[in-house]
Structure formats: structure tokens, C-alpha cells
Amino acid sequence: ENPHVIAPHKVWVGVVRRGPAGEVLNSSFKTRSSPSYLNDLGNTIVNFCRVIPKGILVFFPSYGVMQSCVAAWQQVRSQNGKCVWDRIQQFKTPVVEPQDKPSFVAA
């Protein structure tokens, strides 16, 4: 086994059905562009970043969905002037997987 492989007791895989505001976290075509969905998904990730030591890995159904989520999270939304992305960065250093090979090697 490679030394970079995460031990099974250190991994949790699950489905989070609702965000902190109660929004259904369903990334279907119908809902994935909804501001309330995007905001609650981002807030869910912020909450996980806050309580989980080390890193987290978030999977998206496609690069397009990932890119639209990141773009939405980088917009200012709260009264304190912080966006979801800023709040994620308070706890973790985000690394967004690039889609093309040259950028992937550089990341």
C-alpha cells in the first residue's frame, strides 16, 4: 500500500441531504443554479471545514458544476462583506482541480 493512502478509519463518506438553512442539497439540473442551493451547499462546506481537522475532499458531478459553485462562493453575499469562499479560507486552503493537464501539473 502506498504511504499516501488514507487509512480507512480516517475517512467518512456520506450524503448530506440538507444544508444548515434547511435547503435540500440536490445538484440536479433544475436546482444547481439556485442561489439558495449554492449558498447552503457552500455553508455546509464551511461548517465541515470548521470542525474537521486537516483536509476535506469535495466531489462535484462535473467540472462545470464545480466551477459554477466556486464562482458563486466567491461573490460577496453576507452583511459582513465576506463571501463563502473567504469563510472556507478561514479554515482551509482550497485547491481546485484544474480541468486541463498543463494546469493540473502546475497545481
N, C-alpha and C. Protein backbone atom coordinates (compact mmCIF):
# COMPACT_ATOMS: atom_id res chain seq x y z
N GLU A 1 0.84 -1.19 0.00
CA GLU A 1 0.00 0.00 0.00
C GLU A 1 0.88 1.24 0.00
N ASN A 2 0.50 2.22 -0.77
CA ASN A 2 1.26 3.47 -0.85
C ASN A 2 1.13 4.26 0.44
N PRO A 3 2.19 4.96 0.83
CA PRO A 3 2.13 5.73 2.07
C PRO A 3 1.17 6.92 2.02
N HIS A 4 0.77 7.35 0.83
CA HIS A 4 -0.14 8.50 0.75
C HIS A 4 -1.60 8.10 0.86
N VAL A 5 -1.87 6.81 0.90
CA VAL A 5 -3.26 6.34 1.00
C VAL A 5 -3.78 6.62 2.41
N ILE A 6 -4.99 7.14 2.48
CA ILE A 6 -5.59 7.48 3.77
C ILE A 6 -6.13 6.21 4.42
N ALA A 7 -5.85 6.04 5.69
CA ALA A 7 -6.33 4.88 6.43
C ALA A 7 -7.85 4.91 6.51
N PRO A 8 -8.50 3.75 6.37
CA PRO A 8 -9.97 3.70 6.37
C PRO A 8 -10.63 4.34 7.60
N HIS A 9 -9.99 4.25 8.76
CA HIS A 9 -10.61 4.83 9.96
C HIS A 9 -10.55 6.36 9.97
N LYS A 10 -9.84 6.95 9.00
CA LYS A 10 -9.75 8.40 8.92
C LYS A 10 -10.63 8.99 7.82
N VAL A 11 -11.47 8.16 7.23
CA VAL A 11 -12.30 8.60 6.11
C VAL A 11 -13.78 8.45 6.47
N TRP A 12 -14.55 9.47 6.16
CA TRP A 12 -16.00 9.38 6.26
C TRP A 12 -16.57 9.70 4.89
N VAL A 13 -17.40 8.84 4.41
CA VAL A 13 -18.09 9.06 3.14
C VAL A 13 -19.57 9.03 3.45
N GLY A 14 -20.27 10.04 3.02
CA GLY A 14 -21.69 10.08 3.30
C GLY A 14 -22.41 11.07 2.41
N VAL A 15 -23.69 11.12 2.58
CA VAL A 15 -24.54 12.04 1.84
C VAL A 15 -25.15 13.01 2.85
N VAL A 16 -25.00 14.28 2.56
CA VAL A 16 -25.62 15.31 3.40
C VAL A 16 -26.84 15.79 2.63
N ARG A 17 -28.00 15.55 3.18
CA ARG A 17 -29.25 15.82 2.46
C ARG A 17 -29.70 17.27 2.50
N ARG A 18 -29.39 17.96 3.59
CA ARG A 18 -29.85 19.35 3.75
C ARG A 18 -28.71 20.20 4.29
N GLY A 19 -28.73 21.47 3.90
CA GLY A 19 -27.74 22.41 4.40
C GLY A 19 -28.17 23.02 5.71
N PRO A 20 -27.34 23.89 6.29
CA PRO A 20 -27.65 24.49 7.58
C PRO A 20 -28.93 25.31 7.60
N ALA A 21 -29.33 25.87 6.45
CA ALA A 21 -30.58 26.64 6.38
C ALA A 21 -31.76 25.76 5.98
N GLY A 22 -31.52 24.45 5.84
CA GLY A 22 -32.60 23.53 5.51
C GLY A 22 -32.81 23.30 4.02
N GLU A 23 -31.98 23.90 3.20
CA GLU A 23 -32.09 23.73 1.74
C GLU A 23 -31.72 22.29 1.37
N VAL A 24 -32.54 21.68 0.50
CA VAL A 24 -32.23 20.34 0.02
C VAL A 24 -30.98 20.43 -0.85
N LEU A 25 -29.98 19.61 -0.56
CA LEU A 25 -28.72 19.63 -1.30
C LEU A 25 -28.79 18.60 -2.42
N ASN A 26 -29.45 19.00 -3.48
CA ASN A 26 -29.65 18.15 -4.65
C ASN A 26 -29.10 18.90 -5.86
N SER A 27 -28.04 18.38 -6.45
CA SER A 27 -27.39 19.08 -7.55
C SER A 27 -27.96 18.68 -8.90
N SER A 28 -29.27 18.55 -8.96
CA SER A 28 -29.91 18.24 -10.24
C SER A 28 -29.86 19.48 -11.13
N PHE A 29 -30.07 19.29 -12.42
CA PHE A 29 -30.05 20.41 -13.36
C PHE A 29 -31.04 21.49 -12.93
N LYS A 30 -32.16 21.08 -12.39
CA LYS A 30 -33.22 22.01 -12.00
C LYS A 30 -32.80 22.93 -10.84
N THR A 31 -31.99 22.42 -9.93
CA THR A 31 -31.69 23.18 -8.71
C THR A 31 -30.26 23.70 -8.61
N ARG A 32 -29.34 23.20 -9.40
CA ARG A 32 -27.92 23.52 -9.19
C ARG A 32 -27.55 24.98 -9.43
N SER A 33 -28.39 25.74 -10.07
CA SER A 33 -28.11 27.17 -10.28
C SER A 33 -28.84 28.07 -9.30
N SER A 34 -29.62 27.48 -8.43
CA SER A 34 -30.39 28.25 -7.46
C SER A 34 -29.46 28.91 -6.44
N PRO A 35 -29.58 30.22 -6.25
CA PRO A 35 -28.73 30.89 -5.25
C PRO A 35 -28.87 30.30 -3.84
N SER A 36 -30.08 29.90 -3.47
CA SER A 36 -30.25 29.34 -2.12
C SER A 36 -29.56 27.98 -2.00
N TYR A 37 -29.60 27.18 -3.08
CA TYR A 37 -28.88 25.89 -3.08
C TYR A 37 -27.37 26.14 -2.99
N LEU A 38 -26.86 27.02 -3.85
CA LEU A 38 -25.42 27.28 -3.88
C LEU A 38 -24.93 27.82 -2.54
N ASN A 39 -25.68 28.72 -1.95
CA ASN A 39 -25.30 29.30 -0.67
C ASN A 39 -25.31 28.25 0.44
N ASP A 40 -26.35 27.43 0.50
CA ASP A 40 -26.42 26.43 1.56
C ASP A 40 -25.38 25.32 1.36
N LEU A 41 -25.09 24.95 0.13
CA LEU A 41 -24.02 23.99 -0.11
C LEU A 41 -22.69 24.57 0.37
N GLY A 42 -22.43 25.82 0.03
CA GLY A 42 -21.20 26.47 0.49
C GLY A 42 -21.14 26.56 2.00
N ASN A 43 -22.24 26.90 2.63
CA ASN A 43 -22.26 26.99 4.10
C ASN A 43 -22.07 25.62 4.75
N THR A 44 -22.55 24.58 4.10
CA THR A 44 -22.31 23.22 4.59
C THR A 44 -20.82 22.91 4.57
N ILE A 45 -20.16 23.26 3.49
CA ILE A 45 -18.72 23.03 3.38
C ILE A 45 -17.96 23.86 4.39
N VAL A 46 -18.38 25.12 4.59
CA VAL A 46 -17.74 25.96 5.62
C VAL A 46 -17.85 25.27 6.98
N ASN A 47 -19.03 24.75 7.31
CA ASN A 47 -19.21 24.09 8.60
C ASN A 47 -18.32 22.86 8.75
N PHE A 48 -18.19 22.08 7.69
CA PHE A 48 -17.29 20.92 7.74
C PHE A 48 -15.84 21.38 7.90
N CYS A 49 -15.44 22.42 7.18
CA CYS A 49 -14.08 22.94 7.30
C CYS A 49 -13.78 23.41 8.72
N ARG A 50 -14.77 23.94 9.35
CA ARG A 50 -14.61 24.47 10.71
C ARG A 50 -14.35 23.38 11.74
N VAL A 51 -14.96 22.21 11.56
CA VAL A 51 -14.88 21.17 12.60
C VAL A 51 -13.98 19.99 12.25
N ILE A 52 -13.60 19.83 11.01
CA ILE A 52 -12.78 18.69 10.61
C ILE A 52 -11.31 19.11 10.59
N PRO A 53 -10.47 18.43 11.36
CA PRO A 53 -9.05 18.76 11.31
C PRO A 53 -8.44 18.31 9.98
N LYS A 54 -7.37 18.92 9.61
CA LYS A 54 -6.64 18.60 8.37
C LYS A 54 -7.48 19.00 7.16
N GLY A 55 -7.63 18.12 6.19
CA GLY A 55 -8.29 18.50 4.95
C GLY A 55 -9.61 17.80 4.72
N ILE A 56 -10.34 18.30 3.74
CA ILE A 56 -11.56 17.65 3.28
C ILE A 56 -11.47 17.55 1.75
N LEU A 57 -12.22 16.63 1.20
CA LEU A 57 -12.28 16.44 -0.24
C LEU A 57 -13.73 16.49 -0.65
N VAL A 58 -14.06 17.38 -1.56
CA VAL A 58 -15.44 17.57 -2.00
C VAL A 58 -15.53 17.14 -3.46
N PHE A 59 -16.45 16.26 -3.77
CA PHE A 59 -16.66 15.80 -5.14
C PHE A 59 -17.86 16.52 -5.75
N PHE A 60 -17.74 16.86 -7.02
CA PHE A 60 -18.81 17.50 -7.77
C PHE A 60 -19.17 16.60 -8.95
N PRO A 61 -20.40 16.69 -9.44
CA PRO A 61 -20.81 15.82 -10.55
C PRO A 61 -20.10 16.14 -11.87
N SER A 62 -19.55 17.36 -11.99
CA SER A 62 -18.84 17.72 -13.22
C SER A 62 -17.97 18.95 -12.94
N TYR A 63 -17.03 19.20 -13.87
CA TYR A 63 -16.22 20.41 -13.75
C TYR A 63 -17.10 21.66 -13.84
N GLY A 64 -18.09 21.63 -14.70
CA GLY A 64 -18.97 22.79 -14.85
C GLY A 64 -19.68 23.14 -13.56
N VAL A 65 -20.19 22.13 -12.87
CA VAL A 65 -20.87 22.36 -11.59
C VAL A 65 -19.87 22.90 -10.56
N MET A 66 -18.69 22.31 -10.52
CA MET A 66 -17.66 22.78 -9.59
C MET A 66 -17.32 24.24 -9.86
N GLN A 67 -17.12 24.58 -11.11
CA GLN A 67 -16.75 25.95 -11.47
C GLN A 67 -17.86 26.94 -11.14
N SER A 68 -19.11 26.55 -11.36
CA SER A 68 -20.20 27.48 -11.03
C SER A 68 -20.35 27.64 -9.51
N CYS A 69 -20.11 26.57 -8.76
CA CYS A 69 -20.15 26.68 -7.29
C CYS A 69 -19.06 27.61 -6.79
N VAL A 70 -17.83 27.40 -7.25
CA VAL A 70 -16.72 28.24 -6.82
C VAL A 70 -16.98 29.70 -7.18
N ALA A 71 -17.47 29.94 -8.39
CA ALA A 71 -17.78 31.32 -8.81
C ALA A 71 -18.83 31.95 -7.90
N ALA A 72 -19.87 31.20 -7.57
CA ALA A 72 -20.92 31.71 -6.69
C ALA A 72 -20.38 31.98 -5.30
N TRP A 73 -19.53 31.10 -4.80
CA TRP A 73 -18.98 31.25 -3.45
C TRP A 73 -18.00 32.39 -3.35
N GLN A 74 -17.45 32.85 -4.46
CA GLN A 74 -16.50 33.95 -4.45
C GLN A 74 -17.19 35.31 -4.53
N GLN A 75 -18.50 35.32 -4.65
CA GLN A 75 -19.25 36.58 -4.67
C GLN A 75 -19.59 36.98 -3.24
N VAL A 76 -19.56 38.27 -2.96
CA VAL A 76 -19.90 38.75 -1.62
C VAL A 76 -21.39 38.58 -1.41
N ARG A 77 -21.78 37.96 -0.30
CA ARG A 77 -23.18 37.71 -0.03
C ARG A 77 -23.63 38.15 1.36
N SER A 78 -22.71 38.18 2.31
CA SER A 78 -23.13 38.44 3.68
C SER A 78 -22.99 39.91 4.05
N GLN A 79 -23.60 40.29 5.15
CA GLN A 79 -23.58 41.68 5.61
C GLN A 79 -22.18 42.11 6.06
N ASN A 80 -21.37 41.13 6.50
CA ASN A 80 -20.02 41.48 6.96
C ASN A 80 -19.03 41.59 5.81
N GLY A 81 -19.50 41.44 4.58
CA GLY A 81 -18.64 41.61 3.42
C GLY A 81 -17.87 40.36 3.02
N LYS A 82 -18.04 39.28 3.78
CA LYS A 82 -17.32 38.04 3.46
C LYS A 82 -18.19 37.14 2.60
N CYS A 83 -17.55 36.52 1.65
CA CYS A 83 -18.25 35.54 0.83
C CYS A 83 -17.98 34.15 1.39
N VAL A 84 -18.67 33.17 0.89
CA VAL A 84 -18.50 31.79 1.33
C VAL A 84 -17.04 31.37 1.14
N TRP A 85 -16.45 31.74 0.01
CA TRP A 85 -15.06 31.36 -0.28
C TRP A 85 -14.11 31.90 0.80
N ASP A 86 -14.31 33.15 1.22
CA ASP A 86 -13.50 33.74 2.28
C ASP A 86 -13.63 32.93 3.57
N ARG A 87 -14.85 32.51 3.86
CA ARG A 87 -15.08 31.75 5.09
C ARG A 87 -14.45 30.37 5.01
N ILE A 88 -14.45 29.74 3.84
CA ILE A 88 -13.74 28.47 3.67
C ILE A 88 -12.26 28.69 3.92
N GLN A 89 -11.72 29.78 3.38
CA GLN A 89 -10.30 30.07 3.52
C GLN A 89 -9.88 30.39 4.96
N GLN A 90 -10.83 30.72 5.80
CA GLN A 90 -10.50 30.93 7.21
C GLN A 90 -10.02 29.63 7.86
N PHE A 91 -10.47 28.49 7.33
CA PHE A 91 -10.19 27.20 7.96
C PHE A 91 -9.32 26.27 7.12
N LYS A 92 -9.37 26.40 5.81
CA LYS A 92 -8.65 25.50 4.91
C LYS A 92 -8.06 26.31 3.76
N THR A 93 -7.10 25.72 3.08
CA THR A 93 -6.56 26.30 1.85
C THR A 93 -7.17 25.53 0.69
N PRO A 94 -8.14 26.12 0.00
CA PRO A 94 -8.79 25.40 -1.09
C PRO A 94 -7.84 25.16 -2.27
N VAL A 95 -7.95 23.97 -2.83
CA VAL A 95 -7.24 23.64 -4.06
C VAL A 95 -8.31 23.14 -5.03
N VAL A 96 -8.48 23.85 -6.12
CA VAL A 96 -9.49 23.49 -7.11
C VAL A 96 -8.80 22.74 -8.23
N GLU A 97 -9.25 21.52 -8.47
CA GLU A 97 -8.63 20.70 -9.51
C GLU A 97 -8.87 21.30 -10.88
N PRO A 98 -7.79 21.59 -11.62
CA PRO A 98 -7.97 22.12 -12.97
C PRO A 98 -8.43 21.03 -13.93
N GLN A 99 -9.01 21.46 -15.02
CA GLN A 99 -9.57 20.52 -15.99
C GLN A 99 -8.54 20.05 -17.00
N ASP A 100 -7.54 20.88 -17.30
CA ASP A 100 -6.59 20.51 -18.33
C ASP A 100 -5.26 20.07 -17.74
N LYS A 101 -4.53 19.22 -18.45
CA LYS A 101 -3.29 18.61 -17.95
C LYS A 101 -2.20 19.64 -17.61
N PRO A 102 -1.92 20.63 -18.45
CA PRO A 102 -0.86 21.59 -18.08
C PRO A 102 -1.16 22.31 -16.76
N SER A 103 -2.40 22.69 -16.56
CA SER A 103 -2.77 23.36 -15.30
C SER A 103 -2.72 22.40 -14.14
N PHE A 104 -3.06 21.14 -14.37
CA PHE A 104 -3.05 20.13 -13.31
C PHE A 104 -1.63 19.93 -12.80
N VAL A 105 -0.66 19.86 -13.69
CA VAL A 105 0.74 19.68 -13.30
C VAL A 105 1.20 20.89 -12.50
N ALA A 106 0.78 22.08 -12.90
CA ALA A 106 1.16 23.31 -12.19
C ALA A 106 0.52 23.41 -10.80
N ALA A 107 -0.65 22.82 -10.63
CA ALA A 107 -1.35 22.90 -9.34
C ALA A 107 -0.64 22.03 -8.33
